[in-house]
């Protein structure tokens, strides 16, 4: 009885997004290139600059 109850709780409801439905990133699309490559690189670069600037003030 307990195993049937736990399997019912672990099922995804109909109509909800499933993690298996994801598509791979298409880097030929300019939007995905900017969002997944350029913005993270810029964020890391500006974070490093900000830390250096903050460390020099101290």
PDB file of N, CA and C in Angstrom:
ATOM      1  N   UNK A   1       0.834  -1.194   0.000  1.00  0.00           N
ATOM      2  CA  UNK A   1       0.000   0.000   0.000  1.00  0.00           C
ATOM      3  C   UNK A   1       0.875   1.253   0.000  1.00  0.00           C
ATOM      4  N   UNK A   2       1.927   1.227   0.810  1.00  0.00           N
ATOM      5  CA  UNK A   2       2.794   2.404   0.901  1.00  0.00           C
ATOM      6  C   UNK A   2       3.542   2.648  -0.397  1.00  0.00           C
ATOM      7  N   UNK A   3       3.966   1.599  -1.083  1.00  0.00           N
ATOM      8  CA  UNK A   3       4.696   1.772  -2.341  1.00  0.00           C
ATOM      9  C   UNK A   3       3.793   2.342  -3.429  1.00  0.00           C
ATOM     10  N   UNK A   4       2.529   1.949  -3.456  1.00  0.00           N
ATOM     11  CA  UNK A   4       1.587   2.504  -4.438  1.00  0.00           C
ATOM     12  C   UNK A   4       1.372   3.987  -4.156  1.00  0.00           C
ATOM     13  N   UNK A   5       1.234   4.342  -2.907  1.00  0.00           N
ATOM     14  CA  UNK A   5       1.032   5.737  -2.527  1.00  0.00           C
ATOM     15  C   UNK A   5       2.236   6.596  -2.904  1.00  0.00           C
ATOM     16  N   UNK A   6       3.458   6.088  -2.661  1.00  0.00           N
ATOM     17  CA  UNK A   6       4.656   6.874  -2.974  1.00  0.00           C
ATOM     18  C   UNK A   6       4.836   7.030  -4.478  1.00  0.00           C
ATOM     19  N   UNK A   7       4.467   6.010  -5.283  1.00  0.00           N
ATOM     20  CA  UNK A   7       4.590   6.154  -6.741  1.00  0.00           C
ATOM     21  C   UNK A   7       3.586   7.162  -7.263  1.00  0.00           C
ATOM     22  N   UNK A   8       2.439   7.241  -6.686  1.00  0.00           N
ATOM     23  CA  UNK A   8       1.457   8.233  -7.129  1.00  0.00           C
ATOM     24  C   UNK A   8       1.929   9.651  -6.819  1.00  0.00           C
ATOM     25  N   UNK A   9       2.639   9.838  -5.727  1.00  0.00           N
ATOM     26  CA  UNK A   9       3.137  11.153  -5.359  1.00  0.00           C
ATOM     27  C   UNK A   9       4.299  11.595  -6.244  1.00  0.00           C
ATOM     28  N   UNK A  10       5.070  10.644  -6.765  1.00  0.00           N
ATOM     29  CA  UNK A  10       6.264  10.977  -7.530  1.00  0.00           C
ATOM     30  C   UNK A  10       5.979  11.224  -9.013  1.00  0.00           C
ATOM     31  N   UNK A  11       4.775  11.001  -9.481  1.00  0.00           N
ATOM     32  CA  UNK A  11       4.455  11.214 -10.886  1.00  0.00           C
ATOM     33  C   UNK A  11       4.240  12.699 -11.156  1.00  0.00           C
ATOM     34  N   UNK A  12       4.649  13.130 -12.379  1.00  0.00           N
ATOM     35  CA  UNK A  12       4.415  14.516 -12.778  1.00  0.00           C
ATOM     36  C   UNK A  12       2.973  14.684 -13.229  1.00  0.00           C
ATOM     37  N   UNK A  13       2.327  15.772 -12.850  1.00  0.00           N
ATOM     38  CA  UNK A  13       0.971  16.021 -13.320  1.00  0.00           C
ATOM     39  C   UNK A  13       0.968  16.292 -14.829  1.00  0.00           C
ATOM     40  N   UNK A  14      -0.145  16.017 -15.465  1.00  0.00           N
ATOM     41  CA  UNK A  14      -0.275  16.257 -16.901  1.00  0.00           C
ATOM     42  C   UNK A  14      -0.196  17.760 -17.181  1.00  0.00           C
ATOM     43  N   UNK A  15       0.517  18.126 -18.251  1.00  0.00           N
ATOM     44  CA  UNK A  15       0.584  19.518 -18.663  1.00  0.00           C
ATOM     45  C   UNK A  15       1.700  20.315 -18.016  1.00  0.00           C
ATOM     46  N   UNK A  16       2.450  19.731 -17.112  1.00  0.00           N
ATOM     47  CA  UNK A  16       3.557  20.446 -16.494  1.00  0.00           C
ATOM     48  C   UNK A  16       4.833  20.211 -17.296  1.00  0.00           C
ATOM     49  N   UNK A  17       5.766  21.164 -17.299  1.00  0.00           N
ATOM     50  CA  UNK A  17       7.015  20.969 -18.030  1.00  0.00           C
ATOM     51  C   UNK A  17       7.830  19.826 -17.422  1.00  0.00           C
ATOM     52  N   UNK A  18       8.385  19.008 -18.272  1.00  0.00           N
ATOM     53  CA  UNK A  18       9.186  17.873 -17.844  1.00  0.00           C
ATOM     54  C   UNK A  18      10.649  18.176 -18.139  1.00  0.00           C
ATOM     55  N   UNK A  19      11.582  17.900 -17.250  1.00  0.00           N
ATOM     56  CA  UNK A  19      12.999  18.177 -17.516  1.00  0.00           C
ATOM     57  C   UNK A  19      13.533  17.440 -18.740  1.00  0.00           C
ATOM     58  N   UNK A  20      12.919  16.334 -19.121  1.00  0.00           N
ATOM     59  CA  UNK A  20      13.369  15.591 -20.295  1.00  0.00           C
ATOM     60  C   UNK A  20      12.959  16.253 -21.607  1.00  0.00           C
ATOM     61  N   UNK A  21      12.059  17.241 -21.548  1.00  0.00           N
ATOM     62  CA  UNK A  21      11.575  17.899 -22.752  1.00  0.00           C
ATOM     63  C   UNK A  21      12.471  19.043 -23.213  1.00  0.00           C
ATOM     64  N   UNK A  22      13.547  19.324 -22.493  1.00  0.00           N
ATOM     65  CA  UNK A  22      14.425  20.440 -22.842  1.00  0.00           C
ATOM     66  C   UNK A  22      15.166  20.165 -24.138  1.00  0.00           C
ATOM     67  N   UNK A  23      15.377  21.236 -24.912  1.00  0.00           N
ATOM     68  CA  UNK A  23      16.149  21.130 -26.150  1.00  0.00           C
ATOM     69  C   UNK A  23      17.578  21.577 -25.857  1.00  0.00           C
ATOM     70  N   UNK A  24      18.555  21.102 -26.624  1.00  0.00           N
ATOM     71  CA  UNK A  24      19.927  21.571 -26.428  1.00  0.00           C
ATOM     72  C   UNK A  24      20.061  23.033 -26.848  1.00  0.00           C
ATOM     73  N   UNK A  25      21.071  23.695 -26.331  1.00  0.00           N
ATOM     74  CA  UNK A  25      21.300  25.096 -26.646  1.00  0.00           C
ATOM     75  C   UNK A  25      21.769  25.206 -28.093  1.00  0.00           C
ATOM     76  N   UNK A  26      21.109  26.082 -28.849  1.00  0.00           N
ATOM     77  CA  UNK A  26      21.452  26.308 -30.253  1.00  0.00           C
ATOM     78  C   UNK A  26      22.259  27.602 -30.332  1.00  0.00           C
ATOM     79  N   UNK A  27      23.573  27.484 -30.452  1.00  0.00           N
ATOM     80  CA  UNK A  27      24.429  28.664 -30.439  1.00  0.00           C
ATOM     81  C   UNK A  27      24.415  29.428 -31.757  1.00  0.00           C
ATOM     82  N   UNK A  28      23.707  28.934 -32.763  1.00  0.00           N
ATOM     83  CA  UNK A  28      23.581  29.703 -34.003  1.00  0.00           C
ATOM     84  C   UNK A  28      22.521  30.797 -33.845  1.00  0.00           C
ATOM     85  N   UNK A  29      21.675  30.684 -32.822  1.00  0.00           N
ATOM     86  CA  UNK A  29      20.682  31.707 -32.519  1.00  0.00           C
ATOM     87  C   UNK A  29      21.371  32.829 -31.741  1.00  0.00           C
ATOM     88  N   UNK A  30      21.322  34.075 -32.230  1.00  0.00           N
ATOM     89  CA  UNK A  30      22.032  35.174 -31.555  1.00  0.00           C
ATOM     90  C   UNK A  30      21.569  35.407 -30.113  1.00  0.00           C
ATOM     91  N   UNK A  31      20.284  35.247 -29.831  1.00  0.00           N
ATOM     92  CA  UNK A  31      19.782  35.460 -28.473  1.00  0.00           C
ATOM     93  C   UNK A  31      20.412  34.465 -27.506  1.00  0.00           C
ATOM     94  N   UNK A  32      20.444  33.190 -27.868  1.00  0.00           N
ATOM     95  CA  UNK A  32      21.025  32.185 -26.980  1.00  0.00           C
ATOM     96  C   UNK A  32      22.529  32.358 -26.843  1.00  0.00           C
ATOM     97  N   UNK A  33      23.192  32.799 -27.886  1.00  0.00           N
ATOM     98  CA  UNK A  33      24.623  33.069 -27.817  1.00  0.00           C
ATOM     99  C   UNK A  33      24.903  34.183 -26.818  1.00  0.00           C
ATOM    100  N   UNK A  34      24.115  35.241 -26.879  1.00  0.00           N
ATOM    101  CA  UNK A  34      24.301  36.364 -25.956  1.00  0.00           C
ATOM    102  C   UNK A  34      23.992  35.949 -24.522  1.00  0.00           C
ATOM    103  N   UNK A  35      22.875  35.251 -24.323  1.00  0.00           N
ATOM    104  CA  UNK A  35      22.432  34.895 -22.968  1.00  0.00           C
ATOM    105  C   UNK A  35      23.343  33.864 -22.309  1.00  0.00           C
ATOM    106  N   UNK A  36      23.789  32.854 -23.062  1.00  0.00           N
ATOM    107  CA  UNK A  36      24.514  31.749 -22.440  1.00  0.00           C
ATOM    108  C   UNK A  36      26.023  31.868 -22.538  1.00  0.00           C
ATOM    109  N   UNK A  37      26.563  32.731 -23.379  1.00  0.00           N
ATOM    110  CA  UNK A  37      28.010  32.846 -23.538  1.00  0.00           C
ATOM    111  C   UNK A  37      28.502  34.249 -23.166  1.00  0.00           C
ATOM    112  N   UNK A  38      27.986  35.263 -23.824  1.00  0.00           N
ATOM    113  CA  UNK A  38      28.532  36.617 -23.680  1.00  0.00           C
ATOM    114  C   UNK A  38      28.217  37.224 -22.320  1.00  0.00           C
ATOM    115  N   UNK A  39      26.975  37.153 -21.858  1.00  0.00           N
ATOM    116  CA  UNK A  39      26.606  37.756 -20.571  1.00  0.00           C
ATOM    117  C   UNK A  39      27.346  37.099 -19.397  1.00  0.00           C
ATOM    118  N   UNK A  40      27.459  35.763 -19.321  1.00  0.00           N
ATOM    119  CA  UNK A  40      28.238  35.187 -18.207  1.00  0.00           C
ATOM    120  C   UNK A  40      29.712  35.586 -18.235  1.00  0.00           C
ATOM    121  N   UNK A  41      30.319  35.663 -19.423  1.00  0.00           N
ATOM    122  CA  UNK A  41      31.716  36.074 -19.507  1.00  0.00           C
ATOM    123  C   UNK A  41      31.867  37.513 -19.035  1.00  0.00           C
ATOM    124  N   UNK A  42      30.966  38.395 -19.460  1.00  0.00           N
ATOM    125  CA  UNK A  42      31.016  39.792 -19.006  1.00  0.00           C
ATOM    126  C   UNK A  42      30.779  39.909 -17.506  1.00  0.00           C
ATOM    127  N   UNK A  43      29.889  39.095 -16.975  1.00  0.00           N
ATOM    128  CA  UNK A  43      29.623  39.144 -15.534  1.00  0.00           C
ATOM    129  C   UNK A  43      30.858  38.759 -14.734  1.00  0.00           C
ATOM    130  N   UNK A  44      31.554  37.714 -15.154  1.00  0.00           N
ATOM    131  CA  UNK A  44      32.777  37.297 -14.464  1.00  0.00           C
ATOM    132  C   UNK A  44      33.851  38.371 -14.598  1.00  0.00           C
ATOM    133  N   UNK A  45      33.994  38.941 -15.788  1.00  0.00           N
ATOM    134  CA  UNK A  45      34.986  39.984 -16.025  1.00  0.00           C
ATOM    135  C   UNK A  45      34.740  41.207 -15.139  1.00  0.00           C
ATOM    136  N   UNK A  46      33.482  41.675 -15.088  1.00  0.00           N
ATOM    137  CA  UNK A  46      33.180  42.851 -14.263  1.00  0.00           C
ATOM    138  C   UNK A  46      33.284  42.535 -12.770  1.00  0.00           C
ATOM    139  N   UNK A  47      33.000  41.298 -12.367  1.00  0.00           N
ATOM    140  CA  UNK A  47      33.162  40.914 -10.972  1.00  0.00           C
ATOM    141  C   UNK A  47      34.634  40.963 -10.566  1.00  0.00           C
ATOM    142  N   UNK A  48      35.510  40.464 -11.440  1.00  0.00           N
ATOM    143  CA  UNK A  48      36.945  40.505 -11.152  1.00  0.00           C
ATOM    144  C   UNK A  48      37.433  41.946 -11.064  1.00  0.00           C
ATOM    145  N   UNK A  49      36.995  42.787 -11.993  1.00  0.00           N
ATOM    146  CA  UNK A  49      37.373  44.207 -11.930  1.00  0.00           C
ATOM    147  C   UNK A  49      36.871  44.862 -10.650  1.00  0.00           C
ATOM    148  N   UNK A  50      35.640  44.571 -10.266  1.00  0.00           N
ATOM    149  CA  UNK A  50      35.053  45.153  -9.060  1.00  0.00           C
ATOM    150  C   UNK A  50      35.837  44.721  -7.821  1.00  0.00           C
ATOM    151  N   UNK A  51      36.237  43.427  -7.752  1.00  0.00           N
ATOM    152  CA  UNK A  51      37.016  42.955  -6.607  1.00  0.00           C
ATOM    153  C   UNK A  51      38.378  43.630  -6.536  1.00  0.00           C
ATOM    154  N   UNK A  52      39.046  43.797  -7.695  1.00  0.00           N
ATOM    155  CA  UNK A  52      40.351  44.464  -7.703  1.00  0.00           C
ATOM    156  C   UNK A  52      40.217  45.913  -7.234  1.00  0.00           C
ATOM    157  N   UNK A  53      39.191  46.584  -7.738  1.00  0.00           N
ATOM    158  CA  UNK A  53      38.973  47.986  -7.358  1.00  0.00           C
ATOM    159  C   UNK A  53      38.682  48.096  -5.860  1.00  0.00           C
ATOM    160  N   UNK A  54      37.877  47.176  -5.351  1.00  0.00           N
ATOM    161  CA  UNK A  54      37.524  47.185  -3.929  1.00  0.00           C
ATOM    162  C   UNK A  54      38.738  46.866  -3.059  1.00  0.00           C
ATOM    163  N   UNK A  55      39.587  45.961  -3.535  1.00  0.00           N
ATOM    164  CA  UNK A  55      40.758  45.567  -2.766  1.00  0.00           C
ATOM    165  C   UNK A  55      41.780  46.711  -2.739  1.00  0.00           C
ATOM    166  N   UNK A  56      41.905  47.446  -3.835  1.00  0.00           N
ATOM    167  CA  UNK A  56      42.841  48.566  -3.895  1.00  0.00           C
ATOM    168  C   UNK A  56      42.428  49.710  -2.970  1.00  0.00           C
ATOM    169  N   UNK A  57      41.137  49.886  -2.736  1.00  0.00           N
ATOM    170  CA  UNK A  57      40.687  50.940  -1.839  1.00  0.00           C
ATOM    171  C   UNK A  57      41.067  50.651  -0.391  1.00  0.00           C
ATOM    172  N   UNK A  58      41.122  49.387  -0.035  1.00  0.00           N
ATOM    173  CA  UNK A  58      41.450  49.008   1.352  1.00  0.00           C
ATOM    174  C   UNK A  58      42.900  49.092   1.544  1.00  0.00           C
TER     175      UNK A  58
END
